[in-house]
């Protein structure tokens, strides 16, 4: 199970900083506090942004803010690793919190459609990381027991949640790149094969 932002794709400016730069500190706090419905597919990202722009009286337009979600760049080395894992017989799972708008962009523009065996977008699952149900749904869909799974993410809350279910984890430093990711995953898989 592999996260997208910071793991399979590079995001550049840290997310909270990017939000502050675009709409200010109050906007960044409000967005992070209120985004769960959009991440779980109960509201569109556009609707959330429109509400925040109006409520906070922001100078930034909804379209300008929405552009923040379309900045990521796929990491070719990370994608190559995913292809190699699939070829080696591992079930690959994209495990990412995303709103419907960004899911569509990732699948159509970035080319995620067909890159993994299972697409675990929070907006289609109806639950987001770090909720335990997010992980249990992906385990069920992949037919895996927690001890058989490996989860890679750059967020410590998500890592802790997966570990609490007995899932092996790799805490990948955001945007450290596909070569580092390869080393981490190879080491984790080698360690699990010895147990």
Protein backbone atom coordinates (compact mmCIF):
# COMPACT_ATOMS: atom_id res chain seq x y z
CA UNK A 1 0.00 0.00 0.00
CA UNK A 2 1.61 3.21 -1.21
CA UNK A 3 0.63 6.81 -0.55
CA UNK A 4 0.66 9.26 -3.46
CA UNK A 5 1.71 12.76 -2.32
CA UNK A 6 5.30 12.79 -1.15
CA UNK A 7 5.76 9.09 -1.98
CA UNK A 8 4.73 8.24 -5.57
CA UNK A 9 4.52 11.87 -6.61
CA UNK A 10 6.55 14.91 -5.63
CA UNK A 11 4.72 17.89 -4.16
CA UNK A 12 7.50 20.46 -3.72
CA UNK A 13 6.38 23.08 -1.21
CA UNK A 14 5.08 21.42 1.99
CA UNK A 15 1.28 21.30 1.88
CA UNK A 16 0.50 23.50 4.89
CA UNK A 17 2.93 26.13 3.66
CA UNK A 18 1.40 26.05 0.16
CA UNK A 19 -2.05 26.62 1.67
CA UNK A 20 -0.78 29.54 3.79
CA UNK A 21 1.02 31.09 0.82
CA UNK A 22 -2.14 30.97 -1.31
CA UNK A 23 -4.84 31.96 1.17
CA UNK A 24 -3.26 32.87 4.49
CA UNK A 25 -2.92 31.12 7.83
CA UNK A 26 -6.64 31.25 8.67
CA UNK A 27 -7.48 29.62 5.33
CA UNK A 28 -4.87 26.88 5.86
CA UNK A 29 -6.26 26.04 9.31
CA UNK A 30 -9.88 26.12 8.13
CA UNK A 31 -9.18 23.95 5.08
CA UNK A 32 -7.37 21.30 7.10
CA UNK A 33 -10.08 21.33 9.77
CA UNK A 34 -12.98 21.06 7.32
CA UNK A 35 -11.70 18.88 4.48
CA UNK A 36 -12.90 15.48 5.75
CA UNK A 37 -16.23 15.57 3.87
CA UNK A 38 -14.40 16.30 0.62
CA UNK A 39 -11.80 13.61 1.29
CA UNK A 40 -14.55 11.09 2.02
CA UNK A 41 -16.56 11.98 -1.10
CA UNK A 42 -19.47 13.65 0.71
CA UNK A 43 -18.69 17.11 -0.69
CA UNK A 44 -16.74 18.41 -3.65
CA UNK A 45 -13.46 20.22 -3.12
CA UNK A 46 -14.84 23.08 -5.21
CA UNK A 47 -17.81 23.51 -2.85
CA UNK A 48 -15.51 23.50 0.18
CA UNK A 49 -13.25 26.14 -1.36
CA UNK A 50 -16.18 28.33 -2.41
CA UNK A 51 -17.50 28.24 1.14
CA UNK A 52 -14.12 29.17 2.64
CA UNK A 53 -13.49 31.97 0.13
CA UNK A 54 -16.88 33.51 0.97
CA UNK A 55 -16.70 32.99 4.73
CA UNK A 56 -13.13 34.25 5.11
CA UNK A 57 -13.46 37.04 2.53
CA UNK A 58 -10.40 35.85 0.66
CA UNK A 59 -8.88 37.82 -2.22
CA UNK A 60 -7.87 34.52 -3.85
CA UNK A 61 -10.48 33.01 -6.15
CA UNK A 62 -11.74 29.45 -5.89
CA UNK A 63 -10.06 28.62 -9.22
CA UNK A 64 -6.72 29.99 -8.04
CA UNK A 65 -6.91 27.97 -4.84
CA UNK A 66 -8.06 24.85 -6.71
CA UNK A 67 -4.86 25.05 -8.78
CA UNK A 68 -2.91 24.10 -5.64
CA UNK A 69 -4.24 20.55 -5.93
CA UNK A 70 -2.85 20.20 -9.47
CA UNK A 71 0.85 20.72 -8.77
CA UNK A 72 2.17 17.22 -8.08
CA UNK A 73 4.63 15.51 -10.43
CA UNK A 74 4.89 11.71 -10.67
CA UNK A 75 8.26 10.33 -9.55
CA UNK A 76 9.44 8.06 -12.40
CA UNK A 77 11.67 6.00 -10.09
CA UNK A 78 8.77 5.38 -7.71
CA UNK A 79 6.47 4.37 -10.56
CA UNK A 80 9.15 2.01 -11.88
CA UNK A 81 9.29 0.38 -8.45
CA UNK A 82 5.51 -0.13 -8.52
CA UNK A 83 5.79 -1.78 -11.96
CA UNK A 84 8.55 -4.07 -10.69
CA UNK A 85 6.54 -5.03 -7.60
CA UNK A 86 3.58 -5.92 -9.81
CA UNK A 87 5.81 -7.97 -12.10
CA UNK A 88 7.16 -9.81 -9.06
CA UNK A 89 3.63 -10.82 -8.05
CA UNK A 90 2.92 -8.30 -5.29
CA UNK A 91 -0.54 -6.72 -5.18
CA UNK A 92 0.02 -2.97 -5.43
CA UNK A 93 -2.43 -0.60 -3.78
CA UNK A 94 -2.61 3.17 -4.13
CA UNK A 95 -3.51 4.31 -0.59
CA UNK A 96 -4.28 8.01 -0.81
CA UNK A 97 -6.59 10.65 0.62
CA UNK A 98 -8.05 12.58 -2.31
CA UNK A 99 -11.13 14.53 -3.32
CA UNK A 100 -13.05 13.58 -6.47
CA UNK A 101 -11.58 16.47 -8.48
CA UNK A 102 -8.00 15.48 -7.70
CA UNK A 103 -8.72 11.78 -8.18
CA UNK A 104 -9.90 12.50 -11.71
CA UNK A 105 -6.83 14.66 -12.41
CA UNK A 106 -4.47 12.01 -11.05
CA UNK A 107 -6.09 9.25 -13.07
CA UNK A 108 -6.51 11.14 -16.34
CA UNK A 109 -3.73 13.74 -16.45
CA UNK A 110 -1.00 12.12 -14.37
CA UNK A 111 -1.79 8.64 -15.69
CA UNK A 112 -2.54 6.73 -12.48
CA UNK A 113 -5.31 4.73 -14.13
CA UNK A 114 -3.97 1.19 -14.49
CA UNK A 115 -0.67 1.84 -12.70
CA UNK A 116 -1.64 -0.19 -9.62
CA UNK A 117 -3.79 -3.23 -8.94
CA UNK A 118 -6.13 -1.45 -6.51
CA UNK A 119 -6.92 2.28 -6.37
CA UNK A 120 -7.65 3.23 -2.78
CA UNK A 121 -8.85 6.81 -3.13
CA UNK A 122 -10.51 7.99 0.09
CA UNK A 123 -13.29 9.78 -1.82
CA UNK A 124 -14.47 6.51 -3.38
CA UNK A 125 -13.99 4.45 -0.21
CA UNK A 126 -16.01 6.94 1.87
CA UNK A 127 -13.38 6.99 4.61
CA UNK A 128 -9.95 8.63 4.90
CA UNK A 129 -6.63 7.91 6.55
CA UNK A 130 -5.86 7.70 9.44
CA UNK A 131 -9.24 6.07 10.22
CA UNK A 132 -8.73 2.32 10.83
CA UNK A 133 -11.65 1.52 8.51
CA UNK A 134 -9.68 2.99 5.61
CA UNK A 135 -7.00 0.34 6.03
CA UNK A 136 -9.38 -2.52 6.76
CA UNK A 137 -11.29 -1.81 3.54
CA UNK A 138 -8.10 -1.96 1.50
CA UNK A 139 -7.03 -5.16 3.25
CA UNK A 140 -10.40 -6.72 2.43
CA UNK A 141 -10.24 -5.58 -1.18
CA UNK A 142 -6.75 -7.01 -1.60
CA UNK A 143 -7.57 -10.22 0.27
CA UNK A 144 -4.69 -9.61 2.68
CA UNK A 145 -4.17 -10.02 6.39
CA UNK A 146 -2.56 -7.07 8.20
CA UNK A 147 0.71 -8.98 8.73
CA UNK A 148 0.93 -9.60 4.97
CA UNK A 149 0.64 -5.90 4.08
CA UNK A 150 3.24 -3.17 3.87
CA UNK A 151 2.11 0.46 4.03
CA UNK A 152 4.32 3.37 2.94
CA UNK A 153 3.40 6.96 3.84
CA UNK A 154 5.04 10.26 4.76
CA UNK A 155 2.49 11.11 7.47
CA UNK A 156 3.20 9.88 11.02
CA UNK A 157 -0.50 9.77 11.99
CA UNK A 158 -1.23 7.46 9.06
CA UNK A 159 1.77 5.28 9.89
CA UNK A 160 0.66 4.97 13.53
CA UNK A 161 -2.88 4.03 12.50
CA UNK A 162 -1.65 1.28 10.18
CA UNK A 163 0.75 -0.05 12.82
CA UNK A 164 -2.08 -0.24 15.38
CA UNK A 165 -3.79 -2.75 13.06
CA UNK A 166 -0.68 -4.90 12.74
CA UNK A 167 0.31 -3.62 9.30
CA UNK A 168 4.03 -3.32 8.63
CA UNK A 169 5.02 0.22 7.70
CA UNK A 170 7.68 2.39 6.14
CA UNK A 171 7.74 6.05 7.15
CA UNK A 172 9.03 7.67 3.96
CA UNK A 173 10.29 11.25 4.23
CA UNK A 174 8.15 13.40 1.90
CA UNK A 175 9.69 14.01 -1.52
CA UNK A 176 12.87 12.07 -0.68
CA UNK A 177 12.49 10.33 -4.02
CA UNK A 178 12.06 7.00 -5.72
CA UNK A 179 15.59 5.76 -5.11
CA UNK A 180 15.13 6.13 -1.35
CA UNK A 181 11.68 4.57 -1.65
CA UNK A 182 13.17 1.56 -3.44
CA UNK A 183 15.75 1.05 -0.69
CA UNK A 184 13.10 1.33 2.02
CA UNK A 185 10.67 -1.08 0.36
CA UNK A 186 13.34 -3.63 -0.55
CA UNK A 187 14.64 -3.59 3.03
CA UNK A 188 11.13 -3.96 4.48
CA UNK A 189 10.25 -6.85 2.17
CA UNK A 190 13.56 -8.58 2.88
CA UNK A 191 12.97 -8.19 6.63
CA UNK A 192 9.47 -9.66 6.40
CA UNK A 193 10.68 -12.66 4.41
CA UNK A 194 13.04 -13.55 7.25
CA UNK A 195 10.20 -13.76 9.81
